[in-house]
């Protein structure tokens, strides 16, 4: 808030300063036990490179999340290849069987787009065998949970 106090009477300046101090202090107060009742939620997405082995983990605040759909996954995979890629021309991608995120036409079209634009020569996209639930990123997520 901007104001020009040189035209105000002295008493009014003192009253305004006291009033603003009171409101400022009130705004700084915590709400007590309610403040800690809701947990901080994040979206965790990881891309594991078996050749190195290393995993890049993306943490997205709930307030910035756009959901868990194909668009989010494609955006994160594109960011990964753009900023963390090693210039590889042939890649093999193993994904879990989540139909909403990985196993859909949008992801397949995105990977085809990468090959069509010369970003990769070939991409092999495979999924886990039915009823097998563990693969290499799970070990990195286990380490991540231990550190929390």
Protein backbone atom coordinates (compact mmCIF):
# COMPACT_ATOMS: atom_id res chain seq x y z
CA UNK A 1 0.00 0.00 0.00
CA UNK A 2 1.37 3.42 -0.89
CA UNK A 3 0.52 6.62 0.95
CA UNK A 4 1.87 10.11 1.34
CA UNK A 5 1.93 10.82 5.06
CA UNK A 6 3.48 14.28 4.94
CA UNK A 7 0.02 15.79 4.36
CA UNK A 8 -1.57 13.93 7.31
CA UNK A 9 -1.92 15.38 10.81
CA UNK A 10 0.51 13.90 13.38
CA UNK A 11 -2.24 12.15 15.36
CA UNK A 12 -3.60 10.41 12.24
CA UNK A 13 -0.12 9.13 11.33
CA UNK A 14 0.28 7.59 14.80
CA UNK A 15 -3.15 5.96 14.57
CA UNK A 16 -2.42 4.50 11.13
CA UNK A 17 0.93 3.10 12.26
CA UNK A 18 -0.71 1.41 15.26
CA UNK A 19 -3.50 0.07 13.05
CA UNK A 20 -1.10 -1.36 10.46
CA UNK A 21 1.09 -2.88 13.16
CA UNK A 22 -1.92 -4.62 14.64
CA UNK A 23 -3.02 -6.05 11.29
CA UNK A 24 0.50 -7.05 10.32
CA UNK A 25 1.05 -8.97 13.55
CA UNK A 26 -2.31 -10.68 13.18
CA UNK A 27 -1.43 -11.81 9.65
CA UNK A 28 1.76 -13.43 10.96
CA UNK A 29 0.00 -15.62 13.53
CA UNK A 30 -0.25 -19.36 12.85
CA UNK A 31 -3.59 -21.05 13.12
CA UNK A 32 -2.48 -23.46 15.81
CA UNK A 33 -2.96 -27.18 15.33
CA UNK A 34 -5.02 -26.71 12.13
CA UNK A 35 -1.86 -25.53 10.37
CA UNK A 36 -0.34 -29.04 10.38
CA UNK A 37 -3.44 -31.18 9.81
CA UNK A 38 -3.19 -31.48 6.03
CA UNK A 39 -0.19 -33.26 4.56
CA UNK A 40 1.91 -31.79 1.78
CA UNK A 41 1.00 -33.73 -1.36
CA UNK A 42 3.23 -34.20 -4.36
CA UNK A 43 3.14 -36.14 -7.60
CA UNK A 44 6.21 -38.38 -7.95
CA UNK A 45 7.31 -39.49 -11.42
CA UNK A 46 10.55 -41.30 -12.14
CA UNK A 47 12.52 -42.26 -15.23
CA UNK A 48 15.17 -44.92 -14.66
CA UNK A 49 18.20 -45.45 -16.89
CA UNK A 50 19.30 -49.07 -16.52
CA UNK A 51 22.57 -48.47 -18.38
CA UNK A 52 23.98 -46.01 -15.82
CA UNK A 53 22.00 -47.03 -13.36
CA UNK A 54 20.34 -43.84 -12.22
CA UNK A 55 16.87 -42.42 -11.90
CA UNK A 56 15.61 -38.90 -12.40
CA UNK A 57 12.69 -38.25 -10.10
CA UNK A 58 10.25 -35.43 -10.75
CA UNK A 59 8.42 -33.98 -7.75
CA UNK A 60 5.42 -31.82 -8.60
CA UNK A 61 3.42 -29.91 -6.01
CA UNK A 62 -0.27 -30.68 -5.82
CA UNK A 63 -1.09 -27.06 -6.62
CA UNK A 64 0.97 -27.25 -9.86
CA UNK A 65 -0.09 -30.74 -10.90
CA UNK A 66 -2.14 -31.23 -14.05
CA UNK A 67 -3.11 -34.77 -13.11
CA UNK A 68 -1.66 -38.17 -13.81
CA UNK A 69 -2.77 -38.58 -17.41
CA UNK A 70 -0.96 -39.09 -20.68
CA UNK A 71 -0.30 -35.35 -21.22
CA UNK A 72 1.63 -35.07 -17.96
CA UNK A 73 3.67 -38.19 -18.67
CA UNK A 74 4.49 -37.06 -22.21
CA UNK A 75 5.56 -33.62 -20.94
CA UNK A 76 7.86 -35.16 -18.33
CA UNK A 77 9.35 -37.67 -20.78
CA UNK A 78 9.95 -34.86 -23.28
CA UNK A 79 11.62 -32.76 -20.58
CA UNK A 80 13.79 -35.72 -19.64
CA UNK A 81 14.99 -36.34 -23.21
CA UNK A 82 15.57 -32.62 -23.79
CA UNK A 83 17.51 -31.89 -20.59
CA UNK A 84 18.93 -35.23 -19.43
CA UNK A 85 19.28 -37.23 -22.64
CA UNK A 86 22.75 -38.44 -23.62
CA UNK A 87 22.27 -38.08 -27.36
CA UNK A 88 21.24 -41.70 -27.79
CA UNK A 89 19.72 -42.61 -31.14
CA UNK A 90 18.25 -46.03 -30.32
CA UNK A 91 16.39 -46.54 -27.06
CA UNK A 92 14.40 -49.26 -25.37
CA UNK A 93 11.64 -48.11 -23.03
CA UNK A 94 10.11 -50.43 -20.45
CA UNK A 95 6.90 -49.05 -18.95
CA UNK A 96 4.42 -50.30 -16.42
CA UNK A 97 0.97 -51.40 -17.54
CA UNK A 98 -0.84 -48.22 -16.53
CA UNK A 99 -3.26 -47.56 -19.38
CA UNK A 100 -3.99 -43.96 -18.39
CA UNK A 101 -0.35 -42.90 -18.35
CA UNK A 102 1.83 -45.15 -20.49
CA UNK A 103 -0.22 -47.66 -22.42
CA UNK A 104 -2.20 -45.36 -24.70
CA UNK A 105 -2.24 -43.93 -28.21
CA UNK A 106 -0.99 -40.49 -27.15
CA UNK A 107 2.28 -41.89 -25.80
CA UNK A 108 2.79 -44.10 -28.86
CA UNK A 109 2.16 -41.13 -31.16
CA UNK A 110 4.63 -39.02 -29.18
CA UNK A 111 7.33 -41.68 -29.55
CA UNK A 112 6.55 -41.94 -33.28
CA UNK A 113 6.90 -38.14 -33.50
CA UNK A 114 10.38 -38.36 -31.96
CA UNK A 115 11.47 -40.88 -34.59
CA UNK A 116 9.79 -38.98 -37.46
CA UNK A 117 11.60 -35.77 -36.48
CA UNK A 118 14.99 -37.49 -36.32
CA UNK A 119 15.42 -37.19 -32.57
CA UNK A 120 15.85 -41.00 -32.43
CA UNK A 121 16.48 -43.64 -35.07
CA UNK A 122 14.48 -46.33 -33.30
CA UNK A 123 12.42 -46.66 -30.15
CA UNK A 124 11.34 -50.01 -28.73
CA UNK A 125 8.42 -49.57 -26.34
CA UNK A 126 7.60 -52.58 -24.18
CA UNK A 127 5.48 -53.38 -21.17
CA UNK A 128 5.81 -55.82 -18.30
CA UNK A 129 4.41 -59.32 -18.57
CA UNK A 130 0.98 -59.66 -16.96
CA UNK A 131 1.01 -60.25 -13.21
CA UNK A 132 4.63 -59.12 -12.85
CA UNK A 133 4.63 -56.00 -10.76
CA UNK A 134 8.28 -55.18 -10.00
CA UNK A 135 10.92 -53.67 -12.26
CA UNK A 136 14.00 -51.45 -11.89
CA UNK A 137 12.32 -48.11 -11.06
CA UNK A 138 10.65 -49.74 -8.06
CA UNK A 139 14.02 -50.18 -6.34
CA UNK A 140 14.76 -46.47 -6.79
CA UNK A 141 11.33 -45.54 -5.44
CA UNK A 142 12.04 -47.80 -2.45
CA UNK A 143 15.24 -45.84 -1.75
CA UNK A 144 13.32 -42.60 -2.19
CA UNK A 145 10.74 -43.68 0.41
CA UNK A 146 13.49 -44.68 2.85
CA UNK A 147 14.97 -41.19 2.67
CA UNK A 148 11.63 -39.60 3.52
